[in-house]
Amino acid sequence: MISYKALTSASTILESVDDIKLYESEIFSSNGSILYPYDLSTTLTGVIYEDLKEITDKFDDIRWSLYSSNSGNFESDKEWNEKHKGQNPITITKDEIDGKSVIQFEAYKNFSGIPGDDTLVACSRISLIDTNDLLSS
């Protein structure tokens, strides 16, 4: 037997989840996901959709994250993330890619009005490979 209190709590949780709308997102790369020797950089553009309609301009809190294949680069990855926060599109040079890197695009929305109480509503990833780094190693 389920108590009234448990049902009320579950109902409140479901209402809260229902209030948070999830959006779809994609990342587009101007040069694809493989950088060949003649590619010096690529431009990544994050796009956010609501019901198949592009609404990226409605989001101010956009964040990019870089995850290098070299696990020793945590500090430089963190610096890179801060440098690209709020930018869209971004340009990535082959010097920023260490063989293979994963770039994550995130969109946040503040539903509560409380500063810092941001909710992740869309997220996409792309893997970038620099063939020069792969050939040299």
C-alpha atoms as a PDB file:
ATOM      1  CA  MET A   1       0.000   0.000   0.000  1.00  0.00           C
ATOM      2  CA  ILE A   2       1.373   3.439  -0.993  1.00  0.00           C
ATOM      3  CA  SER A   3       0.858   6.288   1.413  1.00  0.00           C
ATOM      4  CA  TYR A   4      -0.701   9.610   0.455  1.00  0.00           C
ATOM      5  CA  LYS A   5       2.547  11.374   1.407  1.00  0.00           C
ATOM      6  CA  ALA A   6       4.576   9.202  -1.010  1.00  0.00           C
ATOM      7  CA  LEU A   7       2.099   9.847  -3.831  1.00  0.00           C
ATOM      8  CA  THR A   8       2.191  13.593  -3.200  1.00  0.00           C
ATOM      9  CA  SER A   9       5.994  13.577  -3.213  1.00  0.00           C
ATOM     10  CA  ALA A  10       6.108  11.541  -6.451  1.00  0.00           C
ATOM     11  CA  SER A  11       3.571  13.856  -8.062  1.00  0.00           C
ATOM     12  CA  THR A  12       5.632  16.918  -7.127  1.00  0.00           C
ATOM     13  CA  ILE A  13       8.778  15.354  -8.588  1.00  0.00           C
ATOM     14  CA  LEU A  14       6.994  14.493 -11.841  1.00  0.00           C
ATOM     15  CA  GLU A  15       5.620  18.026 -12.114  1.00  0.00           C
ATOM     16  CA  SER A  16       9.117  19.442 -11.603  1.00  0.00           C
ATOM     17  CA  VAL A  17      10.572  17.181 -14.288  1.00  0.00           C
ATOM     18  CA  ASP A  18       7.728  18.089 -16.623  1.00  0.00           C
ATOM     19  CA  ASP A  19       8.483  21.817 -16.146  1.00  0.00           C
ATOM     20  CA  ILE A  20      12.058  21.375 -17.386  1.00  0.00           C
ATOM     21  CA  LYS A  21      11.963  21.163 -21.140  1.00  0.00           C
ATOM     22  CA  LEU A  22      14.818  19.357 -22.827  1.00  0.00           C
ATOM     23  CA  TYR A  23      16.032  20.693 -26.134  1.00  0.00           C
ATOM     24  CA  GLU A  24      17.930  18.940 -28.894  1.00  0.00           C
ATOM     25  CA  SER A  25      21.334  20.132 -30.016  1.00  0.00           C
ATOM     26  CA  GLU A  26      23.933  19.423 -32.667  1.00  0.00           C
ATOM     27  CA  ILE A  27      27.489  20.501 -33.424  1.00  0.00           C
ATOM     28  CA  PHE A  28      28.499  21.359 -36.961  1.00  0.00           C
ATOM     29  CA  SER A  29      32.163  21.454 -38.001  1.00  0.00           C
ATOM     30  CA  SER A  30      33.306  23.469 -41.009  1.00  0.00           C
ATOM     31  CA  ASN A  31      35.962  20.843 -41.869  1.00  0.00           C
ATOM     32  CA  GLY A  32      34.399  17.666 -40.524  1.00  0.00           C
ATOM     33  CA  SER A  33      35.770  15.694 -37.604  1.00  0.00           C
ATOM     34  CA  ILE A  34      39.152  14.790 -39.133  1.00  0.00           C
ATOM     35  CA  LEU A  35      41.746  17.520 -39.622  1.00  0.00           C
ATOM     36  CA  TYR A  36      44.052  16.641 -42.488  1.00  0.00           C
ATOM     37  CA  PRO A  37      47.535  18.164 -42.987  1.00  0.00           C
ATOM     38  CA  TYR A  38      46.113  21.044 -45.050  1.00  0.00           C
ATOM     39  CA  ASP A  39      43.469  21.915 -42.385  1.00  0.00           C
ATOM     40  CA  LEU A  40      44.795  24.527 -39.958  1.00  0.00           C
ATOM     41  CA  SER A  41      41.564  24.884 -38.001  1.00  0.00           C
ATOM     42  CA  THR A  42      37.868  24.147 -37.943  1.00  0.00           C
ATOM     43  CA  THR A  43      34.904  26.192 -36.835  1.00  0.00           C
ATOM     44  CA  LEU A  44      32.406  24.489 -34.541  1.00  0.00           C
ATOM     45  CA  THR A  45      28.860  25.796 -34.332  1.00  0.00           C
ATOM     46  CA  GLY A  46      26.447  24.558 -31.687  1.00  0.00           C
ATOM     47  CA  VAL A  47      22.776  24.609 -32.659  1.00  0.00           C
ATOM     48  CA  ILE A  48      19.807  24.190 -30.302  1.00  0.00           C
ATOM     49  CA  TYR A  49      16.381  23.032 -31.473  1.00  0.00           C
ATOM     50  CA  GLU A  50      12.913  23.139 -29.973  1.00  0.00           C
ATOM     51  CA  ASP A  51      10.401  21.037 -31.890  1.00  0.00           C
ATOM     52  CA  LEU A  52      12.695  21.061 -34.966  1.00  0.00           C
ATOM     53  CA  LYS A  53      12.921  24.872 -34.896  1.00  0.00           C
ATOM     54  CA  GLU A  54      16.374  26.384 -34.423  1.00  0.00           C
ATOM     55  CA  ILE A  55      16.382  28.600 -31.287  1.00  0.00           C
ATOM     56  CA  THR A  56      20.093  28.952 -30.463  1.00  0.00           C
ATOM     57  CA  ASP A  57      19.849  32.757 -30.164  1.00  0.00           C
ATOM     58  CA  LYS A  58      17.532  32.375 -27.146  1.00  0.00           C
ATOM     59  CA  PHE A  59      20.398  30.954 -25.047  1.00  0.00           C
ATOM     60  CA  ASP A  60      23.039  33.131 -23.443  1.00  0.00           C
ATOM     61  CA  ASP A  61      24.607  30.469 -21.234  1.00  0.00           C
ATOM     62  CA  ILE A  62      26.525  28.296 -23.689  1.00  0.00           C
ATOM     63  CA  ARG A  63      29.558  26.341 -22.576  1.00  0.00           C
ATOM     64  CA  TRP A  64      32.179  24.379 -24.483  1.00  0.00           C
ATOM     65  CA  SER A  65      34.402  21.724 -22.924  1.00  0.00           C
ATOM     66  CA  LEU A  66      37.544  20.134 -24.331  1.00  0.00           C
ATOM     67  CA  TYR A  67      38.641  16.666 -23.277  1.00  0.00           C
ATOM     68  CA  SER A  68      42.102  15.789 -24.574  1.00  0.00           C
ATOM     69  CA  SER A  69      43.197  12.261 -25.286  1.00  0.00           C
ATOM     70  CA  ASN A  70      46.275  13.025 -23.200  1.00  0.00           C
ATOM     71  CA  SER A  71      44.993  12.657 -19.635  1.00  0.00           C
ATOM     72  CA  GLY A  72      47.733  14.938 -18.289  1.00  0.00           C
ATOM     73  CA  ASN A  73      46.138  18.056 -19.788  1.00  0.00           C
ATOM     74  CA  PHE A  74      43.428  18.693 -17.182  1.00  0.00           C
ATOM     75  CA  GLU A  75      44.616  22.202 -16.316  1.00  0.00           C
ATOM     76  CA  SER A  76      44.994  23.333 -19.936  1.00  0.00           C
ATOM     77  CA  ASP A  77      41.602  21.782 -20.759  1.00  0.00           C
ATOM     78  CA  LYS A  78      40.064  23.757 -17.879  1.00  0.00           C
ATOM     79  CA  GLU A  79      41.650  26.991 -19.165  1.00  0.00           C
ATOM     80  CA  TRP A  80      40.376  26.227 -22.678  1.00  0.00           C
ATOM     81  CA  ASN A  81      36.850  25.677 -21.322  1.00  0.00           C
ATOM     82  CA  GLU A  82      36.831  29.061 -19.534  1.00  0.00           C
ATOM     83  CA  LYS A  83      38.232  30.837 -22.600  1.00  0.00           C
ATOM     84  CA  HIS A  84      35.407  29.541 -24.845  1.00  0.00           C
ATOM     85  CA  LYS A  85      32.523  29.954 -22.389  1.00  0.00           C
ATOM     86  CA  GLY A  86      29.638  31.899 -23.910  1.00  0.00           C
ATOM     87  CA  GLN A  87      31.051  31.803 -27.447  1.00  0.00           C
ATOM     88  CA  ASN A  88      29.246  30.310 -30.418  1.00  0.00           C
ATOM     89  CA  PRO A  89      30.628  29.520 -32.942  1.00  0.00           C
ATOM     90  CA  ILE A  90      34.205  28.757 -31.894  1.00  0.00           C
ATOM     91  CA  THR A  91      37.347  28.152 -33.940  1.00  0.00           C
ATOM     92  CA  ILE A  92      39.679  25.348 -32.965  1.00  0.00           C
ATOM     93  CA  THR A  93      43.199  25.111 -34.345  1.00  0.00           C
ATOM     94  CA  LYS A  94      45.020  21.842 -34.840  1.00  0.00           C
ATOM     95  CA  ASP A  95      47.424  22.919 -32.070  1.00  0.00           C
ATOM     96  CA  GLU A  96      44.520  22.642 -29.601  1.00  0.00           C
ATOM     97  CA  ILE A  97      43.831  19.045 -30.587  1.00  0.00           C
ATOM     98  CA  ASP A  98      46.245  16.524 -29.114  1.00  0.00           C
ATOM     99  CA  GLY A  99      45.800  13.609 -31.532  1.00  0.00           C
ATOM    100  CA  LYS A 100      42.154  13.164 -30.631  1.00  0.00           C
ATOM    101  CA  SER A 101      39.962  15.435 -28.547  1.00  0.00           C
ATOM    102  CA  VAL A 102      36.306  15.411 -27.616  1.00  0.00           C
ATOM    103  CA  ILE A 103      34.506  18.754 -27.667  1.00  0.00           C
ATOM    104  CA  GLN A 104      31.255  19.096 -25.755  1.00  0.00           C
ATOM    105  CA  PHE A 105      28.625  21.792 -26.374  1.00  0.00           C
ATOM    106  CA  GLU A 106      26.225  22.570 -23.522  1.00  0.00           C
ATOM    107  CA  ALA A 107      23.281  24.950 -23.181  1.00  0.00           C
ATOM    108  CA  TYR A 108      22.006  26.000 -19.758  1.00  0.00           C
ATOM    109  CA  LYS A 109      18.854  27.770 -18.649  1.00  0.00           C
ATOM    110  CA  ASN A 110      18.018  29.294 -15.289  1.00  0.00           C
ATOM    111  CA  PHE A 111      14.442  28.383 -14.396  1.00  0.00           C
ATOM    112  CA  SER A 112      14.463  29.551 -10.775  1.00  0.00           C
ATOM    113  CA  GLY A 113      15.857  33.056 -11.180  1.00  0.00           C
ATOM    114  CA  ILE A 114      18.469  32.276  -8.508  1.00  0.00           C
ATOM    115  CA  PRO A 115      21.975  33.196  -9.758  1.00  0.00           C
ATOM    116  CA  GLY A 116      24.090  30.077 -10.322  1.00  0.00           C
ATOM    117  CA  ASP A 117      21.074  27.739 -10.305  1.00  0.00           C
ATOM    118  CA  ASP A 118      21.510  26.730 -13.953  1.00  0.00           C
ATOM    119  CA  THR A 119      19.989  23.615 -15.503  1.00  0.00           C
ATOM    120  CA  LEU A 120      21.597  21.755 -18.399  1.00  0.00           C
ATOM    121  CA  VAL A 121      18.935  21.520 -21.132  1.00  0.00           C
ATOM    122  CA  ALA A 122      20.952  20.458 -24.215  1.00  0.00           C
ATOM    123  CA  CYS A 123      24.262  18.715 -24.795  1.00  0.00           C
ATOM    124  CA  SER A 124      26.166  17.384 -27.821  1.00  0.00           C
ATOM    125  CA  ARG A 125      29.665  16.029 -28.433  1.00  0.00           C
ATOM    126  CA  ILE A 126      32.010  15.766 -31.369  1.00  0.00           C
ATOM    127  CA  SER A 127      35.362  13.971 -31.616  1.00  0.00           C
ATOM    128  CA  LEU A 128      38.088  15.759 -33.546  1.00  0.00           C
ATOM    129  CA  ILE A 129      41.158  13.963 -34.850  1.00  0.00           C
ATOM    130  CA  ASP A 130      44.334  15.650 -36.084  1.00  0.00           C
ATOM    131  CA  THR A 131      45.934  13.272 -38.602  1.00  0.00           C
ATOM    132  CA  ASN A 132      49.323  15.033 -38.251  1.00  0.00           C
ATOM    133  CA  ASP A 133      49.503  14.030 -34.581  1.00  0.00           C
ATOM    134  CA  LEU A 134      48.488  10.461 -35.399  1.00  0.00           C
ATOM    135  CA  LEU A 135      51.040  10.127 -38.198  1.00  0.00           C
ATOM    136  CA  SER A 136      53.891  11.502 -36.080  1.00  0.00           C
ATOM    137  CA  SER A 137      53.208   9.154 -33.189  1.00  0.00           C
END
